[in-house]
Amino acid sequence: MSLLLAEQSWPDLKGRRPLVVVPLGSCEQHGLHLPVDTDSSIATAVAWQAVRELGADTDVLLAPTQPYTASGEHEGFPGTVSIGCEAVHLLLVELGRSLSRWCGRMLIVNGHGGNNATLAEAVAQLRRERRDVAWWPCAVGRGDAHAGRTETSMLMALRPLAVRGDRARAGRTEPVEELMGELVRTSVRAVSSNGVLGDPSGASAAEGEILLNEMSTRLSAAVRSWTVRRGRLVRAPAGVMS
């Protein structure tokens, strides 16, 4: 049986209460060398790998990816499409309400850091409405902020032909925490003329594969424990499983 929601007909879902996993990405610039769907590609790949692992013993479905979100900080670059935080909040709340009419749980797997605050607020609202909804961020603790080595490596593993390595250039390489004030006051374009916050040098498909596998493994474990704190799916204490 397919693990994709898009391939179900309604009789396939009758009498079921599956977990539905919704990848959330963005359509925004990722430097000179990466495609605008980078965040969507990563969120989809991590979610899909986790769904395939969970599907062996869990009723779970992967929903179509939502690619248009809040990317206003990148609007100084062509190719960026942003619908703003208010629209994203409304979209997520209505998705959660609709899905919750027939699914058991809904999990949003987020690939774009700019969605985090709005996503947390939307999930909090849904949980106040007593809907079993959570979110989980695609995050690499040792990664750079945007279109650097981390994302370049992952796209090399997922879609090598979409990575234009001859164009890859470093942008601002300071820790993003040091740049945040300037980013909030201005935009990514004002901070980094090529749109990169990091350095793609040394990126490799092998490194990307490791990073993607690590994230999907963490996601699968978090789903199995289903420990939700302030709306976010987190790692359960050792030995705790649902």
Foldseek 3Di string as FASTA:
>chain_A
DDQAPVPDDVVVQPPAAAEEEEEEAEQADFFPWAHRGLLSLLSVLLVVVLSVVCVVPGRYHYYDYDYEEADVLRVVDPRGHHPDLVVRLVVLLVVQVVSQVRHQEYEYEYRDPVNVVSVLVSLLVSVVVVGRYAYEYLDDPPDWDGNAQQSLLQCCQVPVVRGDVVRFAAWAADGVVVCVVVSVVHHQCVRTVRSHHYHNPPHHPVVSVVSSVVSSVQVNQLVQQVDADSRHRDHDPPPHGD
